[in-house]
Amino acid sequence: MSVIKPEQRDVLLVIDVQNDFCPGGALEVPRGDEVVPAINDLITRFDHVVLTQDWHPQGHSSFASVHPGKNPFSEVSMDYGPQTLWPDHCIQGSSGADFHDGMSWSKAEMVIRKGFRSGIDSYSAFFENDKTTPTGLTGYLRERGFTRVFCAGLAFDFCVRYSAEDAKRQRFETFVIEDACRAIDMQGSAAATRDSFSALGIDLINSTVVR
């Protein structure tokens, strides 16, 4: 792919680079901390940066601990559809919910907190997992005139995937910067994510082309 020069209509969307998703965290994404240098470099190249932050209350419905007899990474049926159950993670106000110490995030113009409704999980930066309850990000981006969204962060095959898919469905030109992401890769979920991106016309790029 040819070089992409970030412009005023572009926004870098940095997804869930939080302690609990990095090595030693409650829901560790393998090598999750490796995204930090690439993301810091990208932040210097974009004039506009938005962050997302997983922000769960204690006893969130997506936690395996509130479903007797269920283990983390098993699945249950919720009112809005199937839900993977997770270890307790990114609890509001905890150190696990903090952004990774090495990330230079202070340039961000907005932080979207998601997953704060106790009865529904939220992977996407744009919608809760019912796919209808909005976070407000679409309106914010449109009112500010952004047309291209560049996604990076954790995890490639969950929150990055759902955010990128929703960005595309909301008619933003959408890119995923693959070397600035890491995957959980449950049962082939990373490959399925790449297939989905290809079908939707979401471009997978390397950070080296953004300059």
N, C-alpha and C. Protein backbone atom coordinates (compact mmCIF):
# COMPACT_ATOMS: atom_id res chain seq x y z
N MET A 1 0.84 -1.20 0.00
CA MET A 1 0.00 0.00 0.00
C MET A 1 0.88 1.24 0.00
N SER A 2 0.42 2.29 -0.70
CA SER A 2 1.17 3.54 -0.74
C SER A 2 1.10 4.25 0.61
N VAL A 3 1.95 5.24 0.76
CA VAL A 3 2.03 6.00 2.01
C VAL A 3 0.70 6.71 2.28
N ILE A 4 0.30 6.71 3.54
CA ILE A 4 -0.90 7.43 3.99
C ILE A 4 -0.43 8.57 4.89
N LYS A 5 -0.75 9.77 4.50
CA LYS A 5 -0.41 10.93 5.33
C LYS A 5 -1.64 11.36 6.11
N PRO A 6 -1.60 11.26 7.43
CA PRO A 6 -2.78 11.68 8.22
C PRO A 6 -3.15 13.13 7.96
N GLU A 7 -4.47 13.36 7.85
CA GLU A 7 -4.99 14.68 7.55
C GLU A 7 -5.97 15.10 8.65
N GLN A 8 -6.52 16.29 8.52
CA GLN A 8 -7.43 16.82 9.54
C GLN A 8 -8.73 16.04 9.63
N ARG A 9 -9.09 15.31 8.59
CA ARG A 9 -10.32 14.51 8.62
C ARG A 9 -10.10 13.11 9.18
N ASP A 10 -8.88 12.83 9.64
CA ASP A 10 -8.52 11.51 10.14
C ASP A 10 -8.45 11.49 11.66
N VAL A 11 -8.81 10.34 12.24
CA VAL A 11 -8.70 10.18 13.70
C VAL A 11 -8.07 8.82 13.99
N LEU A 12 -7.16 8.80 14.94
CA LEU A 12 -6.58 7.57 15.44
C LEU A 12 -7.41 7.11 16.63
N LEU A 13 -7.97 5.91 16.54
CA LEU A 13 -8.80 5.34 17.60
C LEU A 13 -7.98 4.26 18.30
N VAL A 14 -7.54 4.56 19.52
CA VAL A 14 -6.70 3.64 20.30
C VAL A 14 -7.59 2.91 21.30
N ILE A 15 -7.64 1.59 21.16
CA ILE A 15 -8.65 0.78 21.84
C ILE A 15 -8.04 -0.01 23.00
N ASP A 16 -8.46 0.32 24.22
CA ASP A 16 -8.29 -0.52 25.42
C ASP A 16 -6.84 -0.94 25.71
N VAL A 17 -5.92 0.00 25.61
CA VAL A 17 -4.53 -0.33 25.98
C VAL A 17 -4.40 -0.10 27.48
N GLN A 18 -4.92 -1.06 28.23
CA GLN A 18 -5.06 -0.97 29.68
C GLN A 18 -4.27 -2.09 30.37
N ASN A 19 -3.95 -1.86 31.63
CA ASN A 19 -3.09 -2.80 32.34
C ASN A 19 -3.65 -4.22 32.38
N ASP A 20 -4.96 -4.36 32.54
CA ASP A 20 -5.53 -5.70 32.64
C ASP A 20 -5.44 -6.49 31.34
N PHE A 21 -5.20 -5.82 30.22
CA PHE A 21 -5.06 -6.51 28.94
C PHE A 21 -3.59 -6.74 28.57
N CYS A 22 -2.69 -6.33 29.43
CA CYS A 22 -1.26 -6.48 29.18
C CYS A 22 -0.70 -7.59 30.08
N PRO A 23 0.53 -8.05 29.80
CA PRO A 23 1.09 -9.14 30.60
C PRO A 23 1.00 -8.88 32.10
N GLY A 24 0.53 -9.89 32.84
CA GLY A 24 0.31 -9.76 34.27
C GLY A 24 -1.07 -9.26 34.64
N GLY A 25 -1.87 -8.85 33.65
CA GLY A 25 -3.20 -8.35 33.92
C GLY A 25 -4.22 -9.45 34.05
N ALA A 26 -5.42 -9.07 34.48
CA ALA A 26 -6.47 -10.05 34.75
C ALA A 26 -6.98 -10.75 33.50
N LEU A 27 -6.91 -10.08 32.35
CA LEU A 27 -7.33 -10.66 31.07
C LEU A 27 -6.24 -10.38 30.05
N GLU A 28 -5.12 -11.01 30.27
CA GLU A 28 -3.91 -10.74 29.50
C GLU A 28 -4.07 -11.12 28.03
N VAL A 29 -3.81 -10.17 27.15
CA VAL A 29 -3.68 -10.45 25.72
C VAL A 29 -2.21 -10.78 25.47
N PRO A 30 -1.91 -11.94 24.91
CA PRO A 30 -0.50 -12.30 24.73
C PRO A 30 0.29 -11.18 24.04
N ARG A 31 1.36 -10.78 24.69
CA ARG A 31 2.27 -9.73 24.19
C ARG A 31 1.54 -8.39 23.98
N GLY A 32 0.50 -8.18 24.76
CA GLY A 32 -0.29 -6.96 24.58
C GLY A 32 0.50 -5.68 24.75
N ASP A 33 1.50 -5.71 25.63
CA ASP A 33 2.29 -4.50 25.86
C ASP A 33 3.15 -4.12 24.67
N GLU A 34 3.33 -5.05 23.74
CA GLU A 34 4.16 -4.75 22.58
C GLU A 34 3.55 -3.71 21.65
N VAL A 35 2.27 -3.42 21.81
CA VAL A 35 1.65 -2.41 20.95
C VAL A 35 2.03 -1.00 21.36
N VAL A 36 2.52 -0.82 22.57
CA VAL A 36 2.70 0.53 23.11
C VAL A 36 3.67 1.38 22.29
N PRO A 37 4.88 0.89 21.94
CA PRO A 37 5.78 1.74 21.15
C PRO A 37 5.18 2.16 19.80
N ALA A 38 4.54 1.22 19.12
CA ALA A 38 3.93 1.56 17.82
C ALA A 38 2.83 2.59 17.98
N ILE A 39 2.01 2.42 19.02
CA ILE A 39 0.92 3.37 19.24
C ILE A 39 1.46 4.74 19.62
N ASN A 40 2.47 4.79 20.46
CA ASN A 40 3.07 6.08 20.81
C ASN A 40 3.58 6.80 19.58
N ASP A 41 4.19 6.06 18.67
CA ASP A 41 4.68 6.66 17.44
C ASP A 41 3.52 7.16 16.58
N LEU A 42 2.46 6.37 16.50
CA LEU A 42 1.29 6.80 15.72
C LEU A 42 0.66 8.05 16.31
N ILE A 43 0.60 8.13 17.64
CA ILE A 43 0.00 9.30 18.28
C ILE A 43 0.71 10.58 17.86
N THR A 44 2.02 10.51 17.64
CA THR A 44 2.75 11.72 17.21
C THR A 44 2.40 12.11 15.78
N ARG A 45 1.90 11.16 14.99
CA ARG A 45 1.64 11.43 13.57
C ARG A 45 0.23 11.95 13.31
N PHE A 46 -0.69 11.72 14.25
CA PHE A 46 -2.08 12.14 14.06
C PHE A 46 -2.35 13.40 14.87
N ASP A 47 -3.10 14.32 14.27
CA ASP A 47 -3.53 15.51 15.00
C ASP A 47 -4.67 15.20 15.94
N HIS A 48 -5.42 14.13 15.66
CA HIS A 48 -6.62 13.84 16.44
C HIS A 48 -6.59 12.39 16.91
N VAL A 49 -6.75 12.21 18.23
CA VAL A 49 -6.67 10.89 18.85
C VAL A 49 -7.87 10.72 19.79
N VAL A 50 -8.52 9.57 19.71
CA VAL A 50 -9.59 9.18 20.64
C VAL A 50 -9.19 7.86 21.26
N LEU A 51 -9.40 7.72 22.57
CA LEU A 51 -9.12 6.48 23.28
C LEU A 51 -10.41 5.81 23.73
N THR A 52 -10.37 4.49 23.83
CA THR A 52 -11.44 3.79 24.55
C THR A 52 -10.86 3.15 25.81
N GLN A 53 -11.72 3.00 26.80
CA GLN A 53 -11.32 2.45 28.10
C GLN A 53 -12.42 1.52 28.60
N ASP A 54 -12.10 0.24 28.71
CA ASP A 54 -13.03 -0.71 29.33
C ASP A 54 -13.25 -0.27 30.77
N TRP A 55 -14.51 -0.23 31.23
CA TRP A 55 -14.81 0.44 32.51
C TRP A 55 -15.98 -0.26 33.18
N HIS A 56 -15.71 -1.46 33.73
CA HIS A 56 -16.77 -2.30 34.26
C HIS A 56 -17.03 -2.04 35.74
N PRO A 57 -18.29 -2.06 36.16
CA PRO A 57 -18.59 -2.07 37.59
C PRO A 57 -18.30 -3.46 38.17
N GLN A 58 -18.15 -3.51 39.48
CA GLN A 58 -18.04 -4.81 40.15
C GLN A 58 -19.26 -5.67 39.81
N GLY A 59 -19.04 -6.97 39.63
CA GLY A 59 -20.15 -7.87 39.38
C GLY A 59 -20.78 -7.72 38.01
N HIS A 60 -20.01 -7.26 37.03
CA HIS A 60 -20.56 -7.08 35.67
C HIS A 60 -21.05 -8.42 35.12
N SER A 61 -22.11 -8.36 34.33
CA SER A 61 -22.76 -9.58 33.84
C SER A 61 -21.87 -10.40 32.91
N SER A 62 -20.82 -9.81 32.37
CA SER A 62 -19.91 -10.55 31.49
C SER A 62 -18.83 -11.30 32.26
N PHE A 63 -18.80 -11.15 33.58
CA PHE A 63 -17.79 -11.82 34.39
C PHE A 63 -18.25 -13.24 34.72
N ALA A 64 -17.39 -14.21 34.49
CA ALA A 64 -17.71 -15.59 34.82
C ALA A 64 -18.03 -15.75 36.30
N SER A 65 -17.45 -14.90 37.12
CA SER A 65 -17.63 -15.02 38.57
C SER A 65 -19.06 -14.81 39.03
N VAL A 66 -19.90 -14.19 38.22
CA VAL A 66 -21.30 -13.97 38.61
C VAL A 66 -22.24 -15.02 38.03
N HIS A 67 -21.67 -16.01 37.34
CA HIS A 67 -22.46 -17.09 36.75
C HIS A 67 -22.02 -18.41 37.40
N PRO A 68 -22.73 -18.86 38.42
CA PRO A 68 -22.33 -20.08 39.13
C PRO A 68 -22.12 -21.26 38.19
N GLY A 69 -20.99 -21.93 38.37
CA GLY A 69 -20.69 -23.10 37.56
C GLY A 69 -20.07 -22.81 36.21
N LYS A 70 -19.93 -21.54 35.87
CA LYS A 70 -19.35 -21.17 34.57
C LYS A 70 -17.90 -20.75 34.75
N ASN A 71 -17.10 -21.08 33.75
CA ASN A 71 -15.69 -20.73 33.77
C ASN A 71 -15.40 -19.60 32.79
N PRO A 72 -14.34 -18.84 33.05
CA PRO A 72 -13.92 -17.84 32.06
C PRO A 72 -13.71 -18.47 30.69
N PHE A 73 -14.12 -17.72 29.66
CA PHE A 73 -14.00 -18.08 28.25
C PHE A 73 -15.07 -19.07 27.79
N SER A 74 -15.98 -19.44 28.69
CA SER A 74 -17.16 -20.17 28.25
C SER A 74 -18.18 -19.16 27.72
N GLU A 75 -19.30 -19.66 27.25
CA GLU A 75 -20.29 -18.77 26.62
C GLU A 75 -21.66 -18.99 27.25
N VAL A 76 -22.40 -17.90 27.40
CA VAL A 76 -23.78 -17.97 27.86
C VAL A 76 -24.65 -17.18 26.88
N SER A 77 -25.94 -17.39 26.99
CA SER A 77 -26.89 -16.65 26.18
C SER A 77 -27.47 -15.51 27.02
N MET A 78 -27.35 -14.30 26.49
CA MET A 78 -27.93 -13.13 27.14
C MET A 78 -29.10 -12.64 26.30
N ASP A 79 -29.83 -11.66 26.81
CA ASP A 79 -30.97 -11.12 26.07
C ASP A 79 -30.57 -10.62 24.69
N TYR A 80 -29.34 -10.14 24.57
CA TYR A 80 -28.87 -9.57 23.30
C TYR A 80 -28.09 -10.58 22.45
N GLY A 81 -27.99 -11.84 22.90
CA GLY A 81 -27.30 -12.85 22.12
C GLY A 81 -26.21 -13.54 22.91
N PRO A 82 -25.34 -14.30 22.24
CA PRO A 82 -24.28 -15.02 22.94
C PRO A 82 -23.26 -14.07 23.54
N GLN A 83 -22.76 -14.45 24.72
CA GLN A 83 -21.79 -13.61 25.43
C GLN A 83 -20.67 -14.49 25.97
N THR A 84 -19.44 -14.19 25.58
CA THR A 84 -18.28 -14.84 26.19
C THR A 84 -18.13 -14.32 27.62
N LEU A 85 -17.85 -15.24 28.53
CA LEU A 85 -17.62 -14.84 29.92
C LEU A 85 -16.13 -14.65 30.16
N TRP A 86 -15.80 -13.60 30.90
CA TRP A 86 -14.41 -13.21 31.09
C TRP A 86 -14.02 -13.24 32.57
N PRO A 87 -12.74 -13.32 32.85
CA PRO A 87 -12.31 -13.05 34.23
C PRO A 87 -12.68 -11.61 34.61
N ASP A 88 -12.88 -11.35 35.89
CA ASP A 88 -13.13 -9.97 36.32
C ASP A 88 -11.97 -9.10 35.85
N HIS A 89 -12.28 -8.00 35.17
CA HIS A 89 -11.21 -7.17 34.62
C HIS A 89 -11.68 -5.74 34.43
N CYS A 90 -10.72 -4.83 34.38
CA CYS A 90 -10.96 -3.40 34.11
C CYS A 90 -12.11 -2.86 34.96
N ILE A 91 -12.02 -3.12 36.25
CA ILE A 91 -13.05 -2.65 37.18
C ILE A 91 -12.83 -1.17 37.46
N GLN A 92 -13.90 -0.43 37.44
CA GLN A 92 -13.85 1.03 37.56
C GLN A 92 -12.97 1.48 38.72
N GLY A 93 -12.01 2.34 38.44
CA GLY A 93 -11.15 2.90 39.45
C GLY A 93 -9.98 2.03 39.86
N SER A 94 -9.87 0.83 39.30
CA SER A 94 -8.78 -0.08 39.66
C SER A 94 -7.54 0.21 38.83
N SER A 95 -6.40 -0.25 39.32
CA SER A 95 -5.17 -0.08 38.55
C SER A 95 -5.22 -0.88 37.26
N GLY A 96 -5.96 -1.98 37.25
CA GLY A 96 -6.10 -2.77 36.03
C GLY A 96 -6.83 -2.03 34.93
N ALA A 97 -7.70 -1.11 35.31
CA ALA A 97 -8.43 -0.33 34.32
C ALA A 97 -7.63 0.86 33.79
N ASP A 98 -6.51 1.18 34.44
CA ASP A 98 -5.69 2.31 34.00
C ASP A 98 -5.04 2.02 32.65
N PHE A 99 -4.78 3.08 31.90
CA PHE A 99 -4.01 2.93 30.68
C PHE A 99 -2.60 2.47 31.01
N HIS A 100 -2.00 1.72 30.09
CA HIS A 100 -0.63 1.25 30.29
C HIS A 100 0.28 2.44 30.57
N ASP A 101 1.13 2.28 31.59
CA ASP A 101 1.99 3.39 32.02
C ASP A 101 2.88 3.92 30.91
N GLY A 102 3.22 3.06 29.96
CA GLY A 102 4.14 3.48 28.91
C GLY A 102 3.48 4.20 27.76
N MET A 103 2.15 4.26 27.74
CA MET A 103 1.46 4.88 26.61
C MET A 103 1.36 6.38 26.80
N SER A 104 1.75 7.11 25.77
CA SER A 104 1.69 8.58 25.80
C SER A 104 0.32 9.03 25.32
N TRP A 105 -0.65 8.93 26.21
CA TRP A 105 -2.05 9.08 25.81
C TRP A 105 -2.61 10.48 26.06
N SER A 106 -1.85 11.37 26.67
CA SER A 106 -2.42 12.64 27.12
C SER A 106 -2.86 13.54 25.98
N LYS A 107 -2.43 13.25 24.76
CA LYS A 107 -2.85 14.04 23.59
C LYS A 107 -4.31 13.78 23.20
N ALA A 108 -4.88 12.71 23.71
CA ALA A 108 -6.24 12.32 23.31
C ALA A 108 -7.25 13.42 23.57
N GLU A 109 -8.14 13.63 22.61
CA GLU A 109 -9.18 14.65 22.71
C GLU A 109 -10.46 14.11 23.35
N MET A 110 -10.59 12.80 23.38
CA MET A 110 -11.76 12.19 24.00
C MET A 110 -11.39 10.79 24.49
N VAL A 111 -12.00 10.39 25.62
CA VAL A 111 -11.92 9.02 26.11
C VAL A 111 -13.34 8.48 26.16
N ILE A 112 -13.59 7.41 25.41
CA ILE A 112 -14.89 6.74 25.44
C ILE A 112 -14.80 5.57 26.42
N ARG A 113 -15.56 5.63 27.50
CA ARG A 113 -15.61 4.51 28.44
C ARG A 113 -16.75 3.59 28.04
N LYS A 114 -16.48 2.30 28.07
CA LYS A 114 -17.47 1.33 27.62
C LYS A 114 -17.54 0.15 28.59
N GLY A 115 -18.68 -0.52 28.57
CA GLY A 115 -18.89 -1.65 29.48
C GLY A 115 -19.32 -1.23 30.87
N PHE A 116 -19.77 0.01 31.03
CA PHE A 116 -20.15 0.48 32.38
C PHE A 116 -21.58 0.14 32.74
N ARG A 117 -22.39 -0.31 31.77
CA ARG A 117 -23.73 -0.79 32.09
C ARG A 117 -23.62 -2.23 32.57
N SER A 118 -24.10 -2.51 33.76
CA SER A 118 -23.83 -3.81 34.39
C SER A 118 -24.46 -4.98 33.64
N GLY A 119 -25.51 -4.75 32.90
CA GLY A 119 -26.23 -5.85 32.27
C GLY A 119 -25.86 -6.14 30.84
N ILE A 120 -24.89 -5.41 30.29
CA ILE A 120 -24.54 -5.64 28.89
C ILE A 120 -23.06 -5.33 28.69
N ASP A 121 -22.40 -6.17 27.92
CA ASP A 121 -20.99 -5.93 27.63
C ASP A 121 -20.87 -5.00 26.44
N SER A 122 -19.67 -4.49 26.24
CA SER A 122 -19.45 -3.53 25.15
C SER A 122 -18.05 -3.74 24.61
N TYR A 123 -17.96 -4.35 23.43
CA TYR A 123 -16.67 -4.49 22.75
C TYR A 123 -16.37 -3.27 21.88
N SER A 124 -17.37 -2.85 21.13
CA SER A 124 -17.18 -1.79 20.16
C SER A 124 -17.08 -0.41 20.79
N ALA A 125 -16.31 0.45 20.18
CA ALA A 125 -16.27 1.85 20.59
C ALA A 125 -17.53 2.61 20.20
N PHE A 126 -18.35 2.01 19.36
CA PHE A 126 -19.52 2.70 18.80
C PHE A 126 -20.85 2.23 19.39
N PHE A 127 -20.95 0.93 19.72
CA PHE A 127 -22.22 0.36 20.20
C PHE A 127 -21.96 -0.66 21.29
N GLU A 128 -22.93 -0.79 22.19
CA GLU A 128 -22.92 -1.90 23.14
C GLU A 128 -23.12 -3.20 22.37
N ASN A 129 -22.99 -4.34 23.05
CA ASN A 129 -23.09 -5.63 22.37
C ASN A 129 -24.48 -5.97 21.85
N ASP A 130 -25.49 -5.17 22.22
CA ASP A 130 -26.80 -5.36 21.59
C ASP A 130 -26.84 -4.79 20.19
N LYS A 131 -25.76 -4.08 19.79
CA LYS A 131 -25.58 -3.51 18.46
C LYS A 131 -26.55 -2.37 18.16
N THR A 132 -27.27 -1.89 19.19
CA THR A 132 -28.20 -0.78 18.99
C THR A 132 -27.96 0.38 19.95
N THR A 133 -27.45 0.11 21.15
CA THR A 133 -27.23 1.18 22.13
C THR A 133 -25.93 1.91 21.80
N PRO A 134 -26.00 3.19 21.41
CA PRO A 134 -24.80 3.88 20.96
C PRO A 134 -23.97 4.43 22.12
N THR A 135 -22.69 4.56 21.88
CA THR A 135 -21.80 5.22 22.85
C THR A 135 -21.74 6.72 22.64
N GLY A 136 -22.17 7.19 21.48
CA GLY A 136 -22.07 8.60 21.14
C GLY A 136 -20.88 8.92 20.25
N LEU A 137 -20.02 7.94 19.99
CA LEU A 137 -18.82 8.21 19.21
C LEU A 137 -19.14 8.57 17.77
N THR A 138 -20.13 7.92 17.19
CA THR A 138 -20.49 8.24 15.80
C THR A 138 -20.83 9.72 15.65
N GLY A 139 -21.70 10.22 16.52
CA GLY A 139 -22.09 11.63 16.45
C GLY A 139 -20.93 12.57 16.66
N TYR A 140 -20.06 12.23 17.60
CA TYR A 140 -18.88 13.06 17.87
C TYR A 140 -18.00 13.16 16.63
N LEU A 141 -17.72 12.01 16.00
CA LEU A 141 -16.85 12.02 14.83
C LEU A 141 -17.49 12.78 13.67
N ARG A 142 -18.79 12.59 13.47
CA ARG A 142 -19.45 13.26 12.36
C ARG A 142 -19.51 14.78 12.59
N GLU A 143 -19.83 15.19 13.80
CA GLU A 143 -19.94 16.62 14.07
C GLU A 143 -18.59 17.32 13.90
N ARG A 144 -17.52 16.60 14.13
CA ARG A 144 -16.20 17.18 13.98
C ARG A 144 -15.65 17.03 12.57
N GLY A 145 -16.38 16.35 11.70
CA GLY A 145 -16.01 16.27 10.30
C GLY A 145 -15.01 15.19 9.96
N PHE A 146 -14.80 14.23 10.85
CA PHE A 146 -13.87 13.15 10.53
C PHE A 146 -14.50 12.18 9.53
N THR A 147 -13.69 11.68 8.62
CA THR A 147 -14.19 10.73 7.62
C THR A 147 -13.39 9.44 7.58
N ARG A 148 -12.18 9.45 8.16
CA ARG A 148 -11.36 8.23 8.17
C ARG A 148 -10.98 7.88 9.61
N VAL A 149 -11.13 6.59 9.94
CA VAL A 149 -10.82 6.09 11.28
C VAL A 149 -9.72 5.05 11.17
N PHE A 150 -8.66 5.24 11.95
CA PHE A 150 -7.53 4.31 12.00
C PHE A 150 -7.52 3.65 13.38
N CYS A 151 -7.69 2.34 13.41
CA CYS A 151 -7.84 1.61 14.67
C CYS A 151 -6.56 0.90 15.06
N ALA A 152 -6.26 0.93 16.37
CA ALA A 152 -5.13 0.20 16.91
C ALA A 152 -5.47 -0.18 18.35
N GLY A 153 -4.78 -1.20 18.89
CA GLY A 153 -4.97 -1.52 20.30
C GLY A 153 -5.28 -2.98 20.56
N LEU A 154 -6.10 -3.21 21.59
CA LEU A 154 -6.35 -4.55 22.13
C LEU A 154 -7.84 -4.80 22.31
N ALA A 155 -8.28 -5.98 22.05
CA ALA A 155 -7.57 -7.03 21.34
C ALA A 155 -8.04 -7.02 19.89
N PHE A 156 -7.13 -7.40 19.00
CA PHE A 156 -7.39 -7.36 17.56
C PHE A 156 -8.68 -8.06 17.19
N ASP A 157 -8.95 -9.21 17.81
CA ASP A 157 -10.06 -10.06 17.40
C ASP A 157 -11.32 -9.86 18.24
N PHE A 158 -11.32 -8.88 19.12
CA PHE A 158 -12.53 -8.57 19.89
C PHE A 158 -12.83 -7.07 19.81
N CYS A 159 -12.30 -6.27 20.69
CA CYS A 159 -12.70 -4.87 20.72
C CYS A 159 -12.22 -4.08 19.50
N VAL A 160 -11.04 -4.40 19.00
CA VAL A 160 -10.61 -3.74 17.75
C VAL A 160 -11.51 -4.17 16.61
N ARG A 161 -11.77 -5.47 16.53
CA ARG A 161 -12.63 -5.97 15.44
C ARG A 161 -14.00 -5.30 15.45
N TYR A 162 -14.67 -5.34 16.60
CA TYR A 162 -16.03 -4.80 16.65
C TYR A 162 -16.04 -3.29 16.40
N SER A 163 -15.03 -2.60 16.86
CA SER A 163 -14.95 -1.15 16.64
C SER A 163 -14.75 -0.84 15.17
N ALA A 164 -13.84 -1.57 14.53
CA ALA A 164 -13.58 -1.33 13.11
C ALA A 164 -14.80 -1.67 12.26
N GLU A 165 -15.44 -2.78 12.57
CA GLU A 165 -16.63 -3.16 11.80
C GLU A 165 -17.73 -2.11 11.94
N ASP A 166 -17.93 -1.61 13.14
CA ASP A 166 -18.95 -0.58 13.34
C ASP A 166 -18.56 0.74 12.69
N ALA A 167 -17.28 1.08 12.73
CA ALA A 167 -16.83 2.30 12.04
C ALA A 167 -17.16 2.22 10.56
N LYS A 168 -16.90 1.06 9.97
CA LYS A 168 -17.21 0.88 8.54
C LYS A 168 -18.71 0.95 8.30
N ARG A 169 -19.48 0.32 9.15
CA ARG A 169 -20.95 0.33 8.97
C ARG A 169 -21.53 1.73 9.18
N GLN A 170 -20.81 2.56 9.94
CA GLN A 170 -21.25 3.94 10.12
C GLN A 170 -20.71 4.86 9.03
N ARG A 171 -20.16 4.23 7.99
CA ARG A 171 -19.75 4.91 6.76
C ARG A 171 -18.48 5.75 6.91
N PHE A 172 -17.63 5.37 7.83
CA PHE A 172 -16.29 5.94 7.89
C PHE A 172 -15.35 5.03 7.09
N GLU A 173 -14.44 5.63 6.35
CA GLU A 173 -13.38 4.83 5.74
C GLU A 173 -12.51 4.31 6.89
N THR A 174 -12.27 3.01 6.91
CA THR A 174 -11.72 2.39 8.11
C THR A 174 -10.46 1.59 7.80
N PHE A 175 -9.44 1.80 8.64
CA PHE A 175 -8.18 1.09 8.55
C PHE A 175 -7.87 0.47 9.91
N VAL A 176 -7.27 -0.70 9.91
CA VAL A 176 -6.76 -1.32 11.13
C VAL A 176 -5.25 -1.46 10.97
N ILE A 177 -4.52 -0.92 11.94
CA ILE A 177 -3.06 -0.92 11.89
C ILE A 177 -2.59 -2.18 12.61
N GLU A 178 -2.33 -3.23 11.85
CA GLU A 178 -2.22 -4.57 12.42
C GLU A 178 -1.02 -4.73 13.35
N ASP A 179 0.09 -4.10 13.04
CA ASP A 179 1.26 -4.27 13.92
C ASP A 179 1.12 -3.49 15.22
N ALA A 180 0.08 -2.66 15.33
CA ALA A 180 -0.22 -1.94 16.56
C ALA A 180 -1.39 -2.58 17.29
N CYS A 181 -1.63 -3.87 17.02
CA CYS A 181 -2.67 -4.66 17.67
C CYS A 181 -2.07 -6.01 18.09
N ARG A 182 -2.71 -6.66 19.05
CA ARG A 182 -2.41 -8.04 19.39
C ARG A 182 -3.74 -8.75 19.62
N ALA A 183 -3.75 -10.06 19.33
CA ALA A 183 -4.99 -10.84 19.38
C ALA A 183 -5.02 -11.79 20.58
N ILE A 184 -6.21 -12.11 21.05
CA ILE A 184 -6.41 -13.19 22.00
C ILE A 184 -6.35 -14.52 21.25
N ASP A 185 -6.99 -14.57 20.09
CA ASP A 185 -7.03 -15.73 19.19
C ASP A 185 -7.63 -16.95 19.85
N MET A 186 -8.92 -16.86 20.14
CA MET A 186 -9.70 -17.98 20.68
C MET A 186 -10.38 -18.72 19.54
N GLN A 187 -10.03 -19.98 19.37
CA GLN A 187 -10.69 -20.83 18.38
C GLN A 187 -10.70 -20.19 16.98
N GLY A 188 -9.55 -19.69 16.58
CA GLY A 188 -9.41 -19.13 15.24
C GLY A 188 -9.98 -17.74 15.07
N SER A 189 -10.18 -17.02 16.16
CA SER A 189 -10.84 -15.71 16.07
C SER A 189 -10.00 -14.67 15.33
N ALA A 190 -8.68 -14.80 15.35
CA ALA A 190 -7.85 -13.83 14.62
C ALA A 190 -8.04 -13.99 13.12
N ALA A 191 -8.02 -15.23 12.63
CA ALA A 191 -8.25 -15.47 11.21
C ALA A 191 -9.65 -15.05 10.79
N ALA A 192 -10.63 -15.33 11.64
CA ALA A 192 -12.00 -14.92 11.34
C ALA A 192 -12.11 -13.40 11.25
N THR A 193 -11.35 -12.70 12.07
CA THR A 193 -11.35 -11.24 12.03
C THR A 193 -10.80 -10.74 10.70
N ARG A 194 -9.71 -11.31 10.25
CA ARG A 194 -9.14 -10.90 8.96
C ARG A 194 -10.12 -11.17 7.83
N ASP A 195 -10.81 -12.31 7.88
CA ASP A 195 -11.81 -12.62 6.85
C ASP A 195 -12.94 -11.60 6.87
N SER A 196 -13.38 -11.23 8.05
CA SER A 196 -14.45 -10.24 8.17
C SER A 196 -14.02 -8.89 7.61
N PHE A 197 -12.82 -8.47 7.95
CA PHE A 197 -12.31 -7.19 7.44
C PHE A 197 -12.26 -7.20 5.91
N SER A 198 -11.79 -8.30 5.35
CA SER A 198 -11.72 -8.40 3.89
C SER A 198 -13.11 -8.29 3.26
N ALA A 199 -14.08 -8.97 3.86
CA ALA A 199 -15.44 -8.95 3.32
C ALA A 199 -16.07 -7.57 3.40
N LEU A 200 -15.74 -6.82 4.45
CA LEU A 200 -16.34 -5.50 4.66
C LEU A 200 -15.58 -4.36 3.97
N GLY A 201 -14.40 -4.67 3.45
CA GLY A 201 -13.60 -3.62 2.83
C GLY A 201 -12.84 -2.77 3.82
N ILE A 202 -12.48 -3.37 4.96
CA ILE A 202 -11.66 -2.68 5.95
C ILE A 202 -10.20 -2.99 5.66
N ASP A 203 -9.39 -1.97 5.49
CA ASP A 203 -7.99 -2.16 5.10
C ASP A 203 -7.11 -2.48 6.30
N LEU A 204 -6.37 -3.58 6.21
CA LEU A 204 -5.33 -3.91 7.18
C LEU A 204 -4.02 -3.32 6.69
N ILE A 205 -3.40 -2.47 7.50
CA ILE A 205 -2.19 -1.80 7.08
C ILE A 205 -1.12 -1.95 8.16
N ASN A 206 0.11 -1.58 7.81
CA ASN A 206 1.22 -1.54 8.75
C ASN A 206 1.50 -0.10 9.13
N SER A 207 1.94 0.10 10.36
CA SER A 207 2.17 1.48 10.83
C SER A 207 3.22 2.21 10.00
N THR A 208 4.08 1.47 9.31
CA THR A 208 5.14 2.12 8.54
C THR A 208 4.62 2.91 7.35
N VAL A 209 3.38 2.63 6.90
CA VAL A 209 2.85 3.37 5.75
C VAL A 209 2.18 4.67 6.19
N VAL A 210 2.01 4.84 7.50
CA VAL A 210 1.35 6.05 8.02
C VAL A 210 2.44 7.05 8.41
N ARG A 211 2.64 8.05 7.58
CA ARG A 211 3.72 9.01 7.85
C ARG A 211 3.56 10.27 7.02
